[in-house]
Amino acid sequence: MAFDASRVPGGDVASFGRECRQRAVDAVLENDWRGGHDWTKSWVGWGGGAWLPDAWLLYATSALLKGEPKNAIHSLDVGLQTWIEGPVDRAVLTWCRGALVWRLLKDPKTALLDLEAASGQVPSWLATDVPSRLKACHQDAAASRKRVPSVKPRPDFAAPATGRDFVAPPVGGHVDGACPPFWDKIASNFAAP
């Protein structure tokens, strides 16, 4: 089923998207995982959020609030596999994925695959001193006794064969690697150890 703009509440995709984003941010700041999830879902489907790494970071944050780190990683994977094409945006989601795997799943060996893959394109707003984070992860990986990866490898980008016109189209201009306007409010969730 193709997206139908006439069904968007208020009739304006961009306006509805801004409202959904703000309500999702407000919800996660109030530790309301369900509100964060539901408003992000509306933003993705009806407000143009699917095309932005910001939405996938909010989805992941709501899963973290719920206490489900593997679902948070899955949310980032959905963005990486289906929606996010820009190389710096992909590096952002990949670095955040690695940080979650390392810190929350205690799996530095698996995390290192993501951190190394993203390290060359990580914007400064996301991570400072990337070399020291990689060195620390290498040290943790060498000392780790974990033998089975905690999560599957990060997916490659593969848009569905049937297209992606079942969600609202992108709205406004997005610069690859742009810092989400709410990043400072959720950044601690994605800090590498």
Protein backbone atom coordinates (compact mmCIF):
# COMPACT_ATOMS: atom_id res chain seq x y z
CA MET A 1 0.00 0.00 0.00
CA ALA A 2 1.43 3.36 -1.02
CA PHE A 3 1.60 6.27 1.40
CA ASP A 4 -1.45 8.54 1.20
CA ALA A 5 -0.65 12.12 2.28
CA SER A 6 -4.35 12.94 2.58
CA ARG A 7 -4.51 10.66 5.63
CA VAL A 8 -1.80 12.56 7.56
CA PRO A 9 -3.27 14.27 10.63
CA GLY A 10 -3.51 17.96 9.76
CA GLY A 11 -2.69 17.22 6.12
CA ASP A 12 0.91 18.48 6.32
CA VAL A 13 3.62 15.79 6.47
CA ALA A 14 6.39 18.18 7.57
CA SER A 15 4.30 19.77 10.32
CA PHE A 16 3.08 16.42 11.59
CA GLY A 17 6.65 15.11 11.51
CA ARG A 18 7.89 18.00 13.67
CA GLU A 19 5.08 17.39 16.16
CA CYS A 20 5.81 13.64 16.33
CA ARG A 21 9.54 14.23 16.78
CA GLN A 22 8.96 16.71 19.61
CA ARG A 23 6.46 14.44 21.36
CA ALA A 24 8.84 11.49 21.03
CA VAL A 25 11.70 13.52 22.50
CA ASP A 26 9.47 14.79 25.31
CA ALA A 27 8.38 11.24 26.09
CA VAL A 28 11.90 9.82 26.31
CA LEU A 29 12.95 12.75 28.51
CA GLU A 30 10.11 11.78 30.85
CA ASN A 31 11.35 8.15 30.80
CA ASP A 32 8.18 7.14 28.95
CA TRP A 33 9.42 4.38 26.67
CA ARG A 34 6.00 3.69 25.17
CA GLY A 35 5.36 7.32 24.30
CA GLY A 36 8.83 7.56 22.78
CA HIS A 37 8.22 4.44 20.74
CA ASP A 38 4.70 5.32 19.61
CA TRP A 39 5.49 8.92 18.62
CA THR A 40 8.64 7.81 16.80
CA LYS A 41 6.58 5.20 14.96
CA SER A 42 4.14 7.93 13.87
CA TRP A 43 7.05 10.11 12.78
CA VAL A 44 8.55 7.27 10.73
CA GLY A 45 5.28 6.29 9.07
CA TRP A 46 3.49 9.59 8.64
CA GLY A 47 5.95 12.43 9.22
CA GLY A 48 9.00 11.69 7.08
CA GLY A 49 11.19 10.39 9.91
CA ALA A 50 12.09 7.06 8.32
CA TRP A 51 14.78 8.74 6.24
CA LEU A 52 16.59 10.30 9.20
CA PRO A 53 19.00 8.62 11.63
CA ASP A 54 17.36 10.77 14.32
CA ALA A 55 14.24 8.57 14.28
CA TRP A 56 16.22 5.35 14.65
CA LEU A 57 18.17 6.85 17.55
CA LEU A 58 14.87 7.72 19.25
CA TYR A 59 13.54 4.21 18.64
CA ALA A 60 16.71 2.81 20.21
CA THR A 61 16.42 5.19 23.15
CA SER A 62 12.85 4.09 23.85
CA ALA A 63 13.97 0.45 23.81
CA LEU A 64 16.77 1.29 26.25
CA LEU A 65 14.25 2.97 28.54
CA LYS A 66 12.23 -0.23 28.44
CA GLY A 67 15.36 -2.17 29.43
CA GLU A 68 15.73 -3.96 26.10
CA PRO A 69 19.22 -3.31 24.70
CA LYS A 70 18.91 -5.97 22.00
CA ASN A 71 15.75 -4.26 20.72
CA ALA A 72 17.63 -0.96 20.74
CA ILE A 73 20.30 -2.53 18.54
CA HIS A 74 17.58 -4.02 16.33
CA SER A 75 16.08 -0.52 15.90
CA LEU A 76 19.43 0.79 14.67
CA ASP A 77 19.69 -2.24 12.36
CA VAL A 78 16.31 -1.48 10.78
CA GLY A 79 17.50 2.02 9.97
CA LEU A 80 20.78 0.68 8.57
CA GLN A 81 19.18 -2.05 6.51
CA THR A 82 16.22 -0.25 5.00
CA TRP A 83 16.37 3.53 5.31
CA ILE A 84 19.66 5.27 5.94
CA GLU A 85 21.88 5.67 2.89
CA GLY A 86 24.24 8.57 3.69
CA PRO A 87 27.71 7.31 4.63
CA VAL A 88 28.11 9.59 7.66
CA ASP A 89 24.56 8.91 8.87
CA ARG A 90 25.33 5.20 8.56
CA ALA A 91 28.56 5.71 10.52
CA VAL A 92 26.55 7.42 13.27
CA LEU A 93 24.15 4.49 13.63
CA THR A 94 26.99 1.98 13.33
CA TRP A 95 29.08 3.69 16.03
CA CYS A 96 26.05 3.89 18.34
CA ARG A 97 25.37 0.21 17.70
CA GLY A 98 28.94 -0.69 18.60
CA ALA A 99 28.81 1.40 21.76
CA LEU A 100 25.63 -0.40 22.89
CA VAL A 101 27.06 -3.84 22.15
CA TRP A 102 30.24 -3.01 24.06
CA ARG A 103 28.70 -1.27 27.06
CA LEU A 104 25.37 -3.02 27.57
CA LEU A 105 25.93 -6.47 26.12
CA LYS A 106 29.51 -6.64 27.42
CA ASP A 107 30.73 -7.89 24.04
CA PRO A 108 33.76 -5.83 22.97
CA LYS A 109 34.78 -8.29 20.24
CA THR A 110 31.51 -7.84 18.39
CA ALA A 111 31.42 -4.12 19.16
CA LEU A 112 34.85 -3.64 17.65
CA LEU A 113 33.54 -4.65 14.22
CA ASP A 114 31.09 -1.73 14.27
CA LEU A 115 33.40 0.80 15.91
CA GLU A 116 36.20 0.12 13.45
CA ALA A 117 33.84 0.25 10.48
CA ALA A 118 32.47 3.63 11.56
CA SER A 119 35.64 5.19 12.92
CA GLY A 120 36.72 6.93 9.70
CA GLN A 121 33.47 8.89 9.33
CA VAL A 122 32.28 9.51 12.88
CA PRO A 123 31.35 13.20 13.23
CA SER A 124 32.92 15.08 16.13
CA TRP A 125 29.52 15.72 17.74
CA LEU A 126 29.12 11.96 18.21
CA ALA A 127 32.48 10.84 19.50
CA THR A 128 35.61 12.62 20.52
CA ASP A 129 38.96 10.88 20.66
CA VAL A 130 37.92 7.97 18.47
CA PRO A 131 41.43 6.43 18.56
CA SER A 132 41.37 6.10 22.36
CA ARG A 133 37.90 4.50 22.27
CA LEU A 134 39.12 2.00 19.67
CA LYS A 135 42.24 1.25 21.74
CA ALA A 136 40.10 0.67 24.85
CA CYS A 137 37.75 -1.62 22.93
CA HIS A 138 40.72 -3.57 21.53
CA GLN A 139 42.02 -4.04 25.08
CA ASP A 140 38.61 -5.16 26.34
CA ALA A 141 38.24 -7.52 23.37
CA ALA A 142 41.62 -9.11 24.07
CA ALA A 143 40.61 -9.72 27.69
CA SER A 144 37.05 -10.85 26.92
CA ARG A 145 36.10 -14.47 27.47
CA LYS A 146 32.94 -14.11 25.40
CA ARG A 147 33.10 -16.50 22.46
CA VAL A 148 29.61 -16.25 20.93
CA PRO A 149 28.59 -12.87 19.50
CA SER A 150 25.74 -11.22 21.41
CA VAL A 151 24.07 -10.00 18.22
CA LYS A 152 24.19 -10.78 14.53
CA PRO A 153 26.51 -8.68 12.37
CA ARG A 154 25.24 -5.27 11.35
CA PRO A 155 23.10 -5.52 8.20
CA ASP A 156 24.08 -4.03 4.88
CA PHE A 157 21.77 -1.54 3.22
CA ALA A 158 19.13 -3.33 1.12
CA ALA A 159 16.02 -1.35 0.20
CA PRO A 160 12.96 -3.60 -0.15
CA ALA A 161 12.33 -4.85 -3.66
CA THR A 162 8.80 -3.46 -3.44
CA GLY A 163 10.10 0.02 -2.69
CA ARG A 164 9.79 2.29 0.31
CA ASP A 165 6.73 4.29 -0.69
CA PHE A 166 4.64 2.87 2.16
CA VAL A 167 5.89 5.64 4.50
CA ALA A 168 5.89 9.42 4.22
CA PRO A 169 8.53 10.76 1.85
CA PRO A 170 11.49 12.71 3.21
CA VAL A 171 10.69 16.32 4.07
CA GLY A 172 13.00 19.30 4.25
CA GLY A 173 16.69 19.17 3.60
CA HIS A 174 18.88 16.80 5.54
CA VAL A 175 22.66 17.03 5.50
CA ASP A 176 24.43 13.70 5.83
CA GLY A 177 25.95 13.53 9.31
CA ALA A 178 23.98 16.44 10.76
CA CYS A 179 23.63 16.37 14.53
CA PRO A 180 20.06 15.62 15.66
CA PRO A 181 18.64 18.70 17.41
CA PHE A 182 17.97 16.64 20.54
CA TRP A 183 21.30 14.77 20.62
CA ASP A 184 22.53 16.33 23.85
CA LYS A 185 19.44 14.96 25.60
CA ILE A 186 20.03 11.32 24.59
CA ALA A 187 23.78 11.17 23.98
CA SER A 188 24.58 9.45 27.28
CA ASN A 189 22.62 6.39 26.09
CA PHE A 190 25.13 5.84 23.31
CA ALA A 191 28.40 6.61 25.08
CA ALA A 192 31.14 4.08 24.55
CA PRO A 193 32.73 2.84 27.80
